[in-house]
Amino acid sequence: MSDTSVVKLNMHDEAVRQLTVCNSCRYCEGYCNAFQALTRYRSFDEPTVSHLANLCHNCRGCFYACQYTEPHEFALNIPALLANVRANNWEQHIRPSVVSRLMQATLWPYVLITIVFAVLFTFVLNVSWGSSEPFYSSISHNTLVLIFLPLFILPWIALINGLRSYWGSIGGQRLVMADITHAFGSAASMKQLSGGQGQGCNYESGEQYTSIRRWAHQATMYGFLMCFASTSLATVYHYVFGWVAPYEFFSFPKLLGVFGGLFLSAGTASLFYLKIKADNELGSVQRRAGEYAFVVLLFLVSTSGLILYWAGGTAFASGSLVIHLAFIATFFVSLPFSKMVHGFFRLAALCREAQIKRLA
C-alpha cells in the first residue's frame, strides 16, 4: 500500500471517529448544511465523508461551540478534518493528481509559471516594456487568441472531468432544475457563511461572529463574474458586431471590467487579511501556501488589469500589458489545480444535497 493510501485510510478512520461524536452530540446541527446533512447518517463511508466535507464552508462556528475540542480527550477539530478531506478530494479527482498536490502545497509553481509567460510575451513575442502603444499594437488579437484559447479550454476539460469523477463518487444522479436552482441560490447568497441564523461566522474572530468573510467572498465572486462577463461581451462585440477594442469607459465591457476588477481586488485583499488573522490549525495546514498563492494570484490578475487601464497611453502601458497577461495565463493554467476548484466542488455538493432532500 502506498504512503498516500495509508494517509487516506488514516484520515477516513479519523473522520469516522470525529463525525460519530458529532452525530451523538448534535449541538451544531443548526449551523450549516454540513451538520444538517450529518444527522441523516448512522455510519460514514468515504462518499458520505466527501459529501459532508464539500458542504462545509469552514466557518469554524462548530469548533468554537464544541465542548469536545482539546484539551478534552476526544480532541475534535472538525474544520481542519473536513478541510483536509476536501483538499484530498480535489487532488484525487483532478488529474494529473501530482500537479494538483504540488499546486495545493506550495506557491512556487505559480511564481515559475508567471515568469515563463512574462518571458514568452517579452522575448518570443517581442513586446517592449517601455512603449505607450495601444493594446493590439503590442500583441495582435489573433496572437492572443492563439495563445489563450487552449489555455482556457484545456484546464476546463480537466476541471469538468474532475467534477464528473467526484459526482460519481458521491452517488450523484441526474439533476433536475430545482436541484440546480437551490444550489446556485445558496452559492449566490453565500448562505452557508451566515452561521445558520444570519449572525456570520467565526473564521477570523474566534468566538465572535462576523459577516466580513461572507462579504469578502461575495465581492470576490461577483467581481470575478463581472470581469468574465466583460471579456465575454467584448468577444461578442468583436466577432458578432465587428466592434474592435479599445472601448469607451461608458461601454458595457469597460464598466463591467473596471468595477468587476475593483470588487475582485477588494474581495481578495480582504480574504488575504482574514487568512492572516485566522487560526492556521483550523484549516489544512499542509495546503496553506497554496491557498495564499491562489488568493494573491486573483488579486494580481484584477489589480494588474486596473493598472493596465490607467497606464494606457503612457510609457508603462506595454510593461503593464506583459505583467497582466502573464498573471491571466498563470490563472488559466492553475485553474483546475488551485484552490479555485473549491467553488465548483462545493456547488456540486450543494446540488447533491438538494437532490438527496428531494428524493428522500
Protein backbone atom coordinates (compact mmCIF):
# COMPACT_ATOMS: atom_id res chain seq x y z
CA MET A 1 0.00 0.00 0.00
CA SER A 2 1.38 3.44 -0.96
CA ASP A 3 2.03 6.21 1.58
CA THR A 4 -0.81 8.21 0.02
CA SER A 5 -3.23 5.31 0.52
CA VAL A 6 -2.15 4.93 4.17
CA VAL A 7 -2.69 8.63 4.84
CA LYS A 8 -6.11 8.49 3.15
CA LEU A 9 -7.10 5.43 5.19
CA ASN A 10 -5.98 7.04 8.45
CA MET A 11 -7.82 10.25 7.59
CA HIS A 12 -11.03 8.34 6.90
CA ASP A 13 -10.76 6.48 10.21
CA GLU A 14 -10.27 9.81 11.99
CA ALA A 15 -13.22 11.30 10.10
CA VAL A 16 -15.45 8.43 11.19
CA ARG A 17 -14.35 8.89 14.82
CA GLN A 18 -14.95 12.64 14.93
CA LEU A 19 -18.19 12.64 12.94
CA THR A 20 -19.59 9.86 15.13
CA VAL A 21 -19.01 12.03 18.20
CA CYS A 22 -20.66 14.99 16.44
CA ASN A 23 -23.62 12.87 15.43
CA SER A 24 -24.09 11.77 19.02
CA CYS A 25 -24.00 15.35 20.32
CA ARG A 26 -25.77 17.32 17.56
CA TYR A 27 -25.32 20.65 19.31
CA CYS A 28 -24.28 22.25 16.00
CA GLU A 29 -26.98 20.83 13.72
CA GLY A 30 -28.50 24.25 13.05
CA TYR A 31 -25.23 25.85 11.99
CA CYS A 32 -24.95 24.87 8.33
CA ASN A 33 -25.85 22.35 5.63
CA ALA A 34 -22.99 20.05 6.61
CA PHE A 35 -24.31 19.46 10.12
CA GLN A 36 -27.92 19.26 9.00
CA ALA A 37 -26.88 16.60 6.48
CA LEU A 38 -24.79 14.74 9.05
CA THR A 39 -27.88 13.90 11.11
CA ARG A 40 -29.20 11.68 8.28
CA TYR A 41 -26.44 9.13 8.74
CA ARG A 42 -25.65 6.44 11.27
CA SER A 43 -22.36 5.44 9.63
CA PHE A 44 -19.86 7.31 7.49
CA ASP A 45 -18.35 5.70 4.41
CA GLU A 46 -15.95 7.58 2.12
CA PRO A 47 -18.61 9.02 -0.23
CA THR A 48 -20.56 10.36 2.75
CA VAL A 49 -17.48 11.94 4.33
CA SER A 50 -16.53 13.50 0.98
CA HIS A 51 -20.03 14.93 0.56
CA LEU A 52 -20.06 16.41 4.07
CA ALA A 53 -16.56 17.85 3.62
CA ASN A 54 -17.51 19.73 0.46
CA LEU A 55 -20.70 21.03 2.07
CA CYS A 56 -18.55 22.57 4.82
CA HIS A 57 -17.56 26.21 4.19
CA ASN A 58 -15.00 26.29 7.03
CA CYS A 59 -16.87 28.95 9.01
CA ARG A 60 -15.45 27.33 12.20
CA GLY A 61 -18.51 28.06 14.35
CA CYS A 62 -18.71 24.38 15.29
CA PHE A 63 -15.17 24.40 16.69
CA TYR A 64 -15.73 27.38 19.00
CA ALA A 65 -19.07 25.97 20.18
CA CYS A 66 -17.72 22.46 20.81
CA GLN A 67 -17.10 21.09 24.30
CA TYR A 68 -15.04 18.20 22.91
CA THR A 69 -12.11 20.13 21.44
CA GLU A 70 -8.67 19.94 23.09
CA PRO A 71 -7.86 19.59 25.96
CA HIS A 72 -10.79 17.12 26.02
CA GLU A 73 -9.64 13.60 25.21
CA PHE A 74 -11.88 13.48 22.10
CA ALA A 75 -9.79 16.35 20.64
CA LEU A 76 -12.31 17.21 17.92
CA ASN A 77 -11.28 19.61 15.16
CA ILE A 78 -13.98 19.29 12.51
CA PRO A 79 -12.92 22.36 10.46
CA ALA A 80 -9.37 21.03 9.97
CA LEU A 81 -10.56 17.47 9.39
CA LEU A 82 -13.02 18.42 6.66
CA ALA A 83 -10.57 20.90 5.10
CA ASN A 84 -8.06 18.08 4.65
CA VAL A 85 -10.72 15.73 3.26
CA ARG A 86 -11.80 18.42 0.78
CA ALA A 87 -8.25 19.02 -0.41
CA ASN A 88 -7.71 15.27 -0.79
CA ASN A 89 -10.90 15.13 -2.89
CA TRP A 90 -9.62 17.79 -5.26
CA GLU A 91 -6.24 16.11 -5.57
CA GLN A 92 -7.86 12.71 -6.11
CA HIS A 93 -10.34 13.71 -8.80
CA ILE A 94 -8.45 16.42 -10.71
CA ARG A 95 -5.83 14.78 -12.95
CA PRO A 96 -2.90 14.68 -13.06
CA SER A 97 -3.03 14.38 -9.28
CA VAL A 98 0.67 15.13 -8.84
CA VAL A 99 0.17 18.61 -10.32
CA SER A 100 -2.83 19.22 -8.10
CA ARG A 101 -0.92 18.16 -4.98
CA LEU A 102 2.04 20.37 -5.90
CA MET A 103 -0.03 23.49 -6.56
CA GLN A 104 -2.06 22.98 -3.40
CA ALA A 105 1.07 22.69 -1.28
CA THR A 106 3.38 25.47 -2.43
CA LEU A 107 3.42 28.84 -4.17
CA TRP A 108 6.50 28.21 -6.34
CA PRO A 109 4.66 26.71 -9.34
CA TYR A 110 2.64 29.93 -9.59
CA VAL A 111 5.81 32.03 -9.49
CA LEU A 112 7.59 29.92 -12.11
CA ILE A 113 4.61 29.81 -14.49
CA THR A 114 4.22 33.60 -14.27
CA ILE A 115 7.91 34.13 -15.04
CA VAL A 116 7.73 31.74 -18.02
CA PHE A 117 4.79 33.61 -19.54
CA ALA A 118 6.36 37.02 -18.86
CA VAL A 119 9.50 35.86 -20.70
CA LEU A 120 7.36 34.44 -23.52
CA PHE A 121 5.48 37.68 -24.06
CA THR A 122 8.63 39.81 -23.75
CA PHE A 123 11.18 37.92 -25.81
CA VAL A 124 9.30 35.47 -28.02
CA LEU A 125 6.55 37.90 -28.98
CA ASN A 126 8.96 40.86 -28.74
CA VAL A 127 6.78 43.13 -26.59
CA SER A 128 8.67 46.20 -25.43
CA TRP A 129 8.41 47.27 -21.78
CA GLY A 130 8.75 50.97 -22.48
CA SER A 131 6.15 51.59 -25.16
CA SER A 132 2.94 53.61 -24.97
CA GLU A 133 1.44 51.85 -27.97
CA PRO A 134 -2.20 50.66 -27.74
CA PHE A 135 -3.04 47.11 -26.61
CA TYR A 136 -3.31 45.39 -30.00
CA SER A 137 -0.31 47.28 -31.39
CA SER A 138 1.85 45.43 -28.86
CA ILE A 139 0.25 41.99 -29.39
CA SER A 140 -2.21 41.27 -32.18
CA HIS A 141 -5.69 39.98 -31.44
CA ASN A 142 -5.09 36.79 -33.41
CA THR A 143 -1.89 36.06 -31.46
CA LEU A 144 -3.74 36.44 -28.16
CA VAL A 145 -6.48 34.10 -29.34
CA LEU A 146 -3.89 31.54 -30.45
CA ILE A 147 -2.24 31.63 -27.02
CA PHE A 148 -5.20 31.94 -24.68
CA LEU A 149 -7.82 29.73 -26.35
CA PRO A 150 -6.03 26.46 -25.48
CA LEU A 151 -5.04 27.91 -22.08
CA PHE A 152 -8.74 28.46 -21.42
CA ILE A 153 -10.17 25.23 -22.87
CA LEU A 154 -7.70 22.59 -21.63
CA PRO A 155 -7.94 23.48 -17.90
CA TRP A 156 -11.74 23.47 -18.17
CA ILE A 157 -11.61 19.96 -19.63
CA ALA A 158 -9.52 18.82 -16.63
CA LEU A 159 -11.93 20.54 -14.23
CA ILE A 160 -15.07 19.11 -15.83
CA ASN A 161 -13.60 15.60 -15.85
CA GLY A 162 -12.67 16.00 -12.18
CA LEU A 163 -16.17 17.14 -11.28
CA ARG A 164 -17.67 14.19 -13.15
CA SER A 165 -15.40 11.86 -11.21
CA TYR A 166 -16.37 13.47 -7.90
CA TRP A 167 -20.09 13.44 -8.78
CA GLY A 168 -19.96 9.72 -9.49
CA SER A 169 -18.00 9.01 -6.30
CA ILE A 170 -20.70 10.57 -4.07
CA GLY A 171 -23.56 8.79 -5.85
CA GLY A 172 -24.83 11.79 -7.78
CA GLN A 173 -27.74 11.18 -10.14
CA ARG A 174 -29.36 13.14 -12.95
CA LEU A 175 -30.21 16.62 -11.75
CA VAL A 176 -33.46 18.47 -12.18
CA MET A 177 -33.77 22.25 -12.39
CA ALA A 178 -34.95 22.51 -8.77
CA ASP A 179 -31.67 20.99 -7.53
CA ILE A 180 -29.60 23.41 -9.60
CA THR A 181 -31.70 26.44 -8.63
CA HIS A 182 -31.40 25.62 -4.94
CA ALA A 183 -27.62 25.14 -5.16
CA PHE A 184 -27.00 28.32 -7.15
CA GLY A 185 -29.27 30.29 -4.83
CA SER A 186 -27.27 29.17 -1.81
CA ALA A 187 -23.97 29.92 -3.56
CA ALA A 188 -25.13 33.33 -4.79
CA SER A 189 -26.10 34.48 -1.30
CA MET A 190 -23.23 32.67 0.46
CA LYS A 191 -25.90 31.35 2.79
CA GLN A 192 -23.56 28.79 4.34
CA LEU A 193 -21.38 31.60 5.70
CA SER A 194 -24.29 33.08 7.65
CA GLY A 195 -23.78 30.92 10.74
CA GLY A 196 -27.24 29.38 10.49
CA GLN A 197 -29.17 32.34 11.92
CA GLY A 198 -27.56 35.16 9.92
CA GLN A 199 -25.04 36.13 12.59
CA GLY A 200 -22.00 35.38 10.43
CA CYS A 201 -19.12 33.02 11.03
CA ASN A 202 -16.11 32.74 13.34
CA TYR A 203 -13.37 32.24 10.76
CA GLU A 204 -11.02 35.05 11.76
CA SER A 205 -12.56 36.27 15.01
CA GLY A 206 -12.55 33.27 17.34
CA GLU A 207 -15.67 33.20 19.46
CA GLN A 208 -17.01 36.44 17.95
CA TYR A 209 -19.38 36.37 14.96
CA THR A 210 -18.74 38.48 11.88
CA SER A 211 -20.01 38.67 8.30
CA ILE A 212 -16.76 40.06 6.85
CA ARG A 213 -15.77 36.74 5.29
CA ARG A 214 -19.17 36.40 3.66
CA TRP A 215 -18.91 39.91 2.20
CA ALA A 216 -15.32 39.28 1.03
CA HIS A 217 -16.39 36.09 -0.74
CA GLN A 218 -19.31 37.89 -2.38
CA ALA A 219 -17.08 40.73 -3.58
CA THR A 220 -14.59 38.20 -4.94
CA MET A 221 -17.19 36.03 -6.65
CA TYR A 222 -19.24 38.83 -8.18
CA GLY A 223 -16.12 40.77 -9.14
CA PHE A 224 -14.78 37.70 -10.93
CA LEU A 225 -18.10 37.11 -12.71
CA MET A 226 -18.24 40.76 -13.80
CA CYS A 227 -14.73 40.50 -15.25
CA PHE A 228 -15.67 37.28 -17.03
CA ALA A 229 -18.83 38.95 -18.38
CA SER A 230 -16.71 41.89 -19.57
CA THR A 231 -14.40 39.61 -21.55
CA SER A 232 -17.31 37.57 -22.93
CA LEU A 233 -19.22 40.67 -24.01
CA ALA A 234 -16.11 42.12 -25.66
CA THR A 235 -15.78 38.86 -27.58
CA VAL A 236 -19.36 39.23 -28.84
CA TYR A 237 -18.68 42.86 -29.77
CA HIS A 238 -15.59 41.83 -31.75
CA TYR A 239 -16.85 38.75 -33.61
CA VAL A 240 -20.58 39.44 -33.96
CA PHE A 241 -20.77 43.22 -34.41
CA GLY A 242 -17.24 43.93 -35.60
CA TRP A 243 -16.69 46.50 -32.83
CA VAL A 244 -12.98 46.39 -32.11
CA ALA A 245 -11.36 47.32 -28.78
CA PRO A 246 -10.45 49.60 -27.11
CA TYR A 247 -13.91 50.62 -25.91
CA GLU A 248 -15.05 53.84 -24.25
CA PHE A 249 -15.28 53.94 -20.47
CA PHE A 250 -19.08 54.02 -20.50
CA SER A 251 -19.35 50.93 -22.69
CA PHE A 252 -20.61 47.75 -21.04
CA PRO A 253 -17.33 45.78 -21.39
CA LYS A 254 -15.32 48.61 -19.83
CA LEU A 255 -17.74 49.27 -16.97
CA LEU A 256 -18.01 45.58 -16.13
CA GLY A 257 -14.24 45.18 -16.31
CA VAL A 258 -13.35 48.20 -14.18
CA PHE A 259 -15.95 47.73 -11.46
CA GLY A 260 -15.52 43.96 -11.52
CA GLY A 261 -11.78 44.47 -11.09
CA LEU A 262 -12.34 46.80 -8.14
CA PHE A 263 -14.66 44.30 -6.45
CA LEU A 264 -12.25 41.43 -7.12
CA SER A 265 -9.24 43.33 -5.79
CA ALA A 266 -11.12 44.44 -2.67
CA GLY A 267 -12.54 40.96 -2.06
CA THR A 268 -9.24 39.10 -2.44
CA ALA A 269 -7.35 41.67 -0.35
CA SER A 270 -9.94 41.15 2.40
CA LEU A 271 -9.66 37.35 2.14
CA PHE A 272 -5.87 37.59 2.41
CA TYR A 273 -6.21 39.71 5.56
CA LEU A 274 -8.71 37.27 7.06
CA LYS A 275 -6.37 34.34 6.38
CA ILE A 276 -3.58 36.12 8.24
CA LYS A 277 -5.84 36.65 11.25
CA ALA A 278 -7.37 33.14 11.22
CA ASP A 279 -6.08 30.16 13.20
CA ASN A 280 -3.99 28.01 10.85
CA GLU A 281 -4.72 24.89 12.89
CA LEU A 282 -8.40 25.01 11.88
CA GLY A 283 -7.64 24.54 8.19
CA SER A 284 -5.46 22.35 6.02
CA VAL A 285 -2.02 23.37 7.28
CA GLN A 286 -0.21 21.47 4.52
CA ARG A 287 -2.06 23.48 1.83
CA ARG A 288 -1.70 26.90 3.46
CA ALA A 289 0.90 28.17 0.99
CA GLY A 290 -1.23 27.11 -1.97
CA GLU A 291 -4.27 28.91 -0.51
CA TYR A 292 -2.30 32.13 -0.12
CA ALA A 293 -0.92 31.77 -3.65
CA PHE A 294 -4.41 31.39 -5.11
CA VAL A 295 -5.80 34.47 -3.34
CA VAL A 296 -2.74 36.58 -4.23
CA LEU A 297 -2.92 35.46 -7.88
CA LEU A 298 -6.57 36.53 -8.16
CA PHE A 299 -5.67 39.88 -6.58
CA LEU A 300 -2.79 40.37 -9.02
CA VAL A 301 -4.96 39.46 -12.03
CA SER A 302 -7.54 42.12 -11.19
CA THR A 303 -5.16 44.78 -9.88
CA SER A 304 -2.77 44.46 -12.83
CA GLY A 305 -5.78 44.82 -15.15
CA LEU A 306 -6.78 48.07 -13.43
CA ILE A 307 -3.20 49.33 -13.61
CA LEU A 308 -3.10 48.45 -17.32
CA TYR A 309 -6.25 50.51 -17.89
CA TRP A 310 -4.90 53.53 -16.01
CA ALA A 311 -1.46 53.19 -17.68
CA GLY A 312 -2.94 53.41 -21.18
CA GLY A 313 -1.12 55.94 -23.34
CA THR A 314 1.89 56.13 -21.02
CA ALA A 315 5.35 54.54 -21.15
CA PHE A 316 4.13 51.97 -18.63
CA ALA A 317 1.43 50.60 -20.94
CA SER A 318 3.31 47.76 -22.65
CA GLY A 319 5.07 46.61 -19.46
CA SER A 320 1.74 46.58 -17.64
CA LEU A 321 0.30 44.54 -20.51
CA VAL A 322 3.03 41.88 -20.23
CA ILE A 323 2.55 41.56 -16.47
CA HIS A 324 -1.25 41.40 -16.73
CA LEU A 325 -1.23 38.77 -19.46
CA ALA A 326 1.31 36.67 -17.54
CA PHE A 327 -0.94 36.67 -14.47
CA ILE A 328 -4.01 35.76 -16.56
CA ALA A 329 -2.15 32.91 -18.26
CA THR A 330 -0.99 31.61 -14.87
CA PHE A 331 -4.56 31.77 -13.58
CA PHE A 332 -5.85 29.75 -16.54
CA VAL A 333 -3.13 27.09 -16.23
CA SER A 334 -3.66 26.74 -12.48
CA LEU A 335 -7.47 26.83 -12.61
CA PRO A 336 -8.20 23.11 -12.05
CA PHE A 337 -5.26 22.56 -9.69
CA SER A 338 -5.59 25.52 -7.33
CA LYS A 339 -8.00 26.43 -4.53
CA MET A 340 -10.23 27.80 -7.31
CA VAL A 341 -11.77 24.32 -7.60
CA HIS A 342 -13.32 24.61 -4.14
CA GLY A 343 -16.18 26.69 -5.51
CA PHE A 344 -17.07 24.11 -8.15
CA PHE A 345 -16.86 21.14 -5.76
CA ARG A 346 -18.96 22.98 -3.18
CA LEU A 347 -21.54 23.80 -5.84
CA ALA A 348 -21.64 20.12 -6.81
CA ALA A 349 -22.10 19.18 -3.14
CA LEU A 350 -24.95 21.68 -2.79
CA CYS A 351 -26.61 20.18 -5.89
CA ARG A 352 -26.25 16.69 -4.45
CA GLU A 353 -27.66 17.82 -1.08
CA ALA A 354 -30.69 19.35 -2.78
CA GLN A 355 -31.09 16.14 -4.76
CA ILE A 356 -30.91 13.94 -1.66
CA LYS A 357 -33.57 16.02 0.09
CA ARG A 358 -35.82 15.92 -2.97
CA LEU A 359 -35.54 12.14 -3.31
CA ALA A 360 -35.98 11.43 0.40
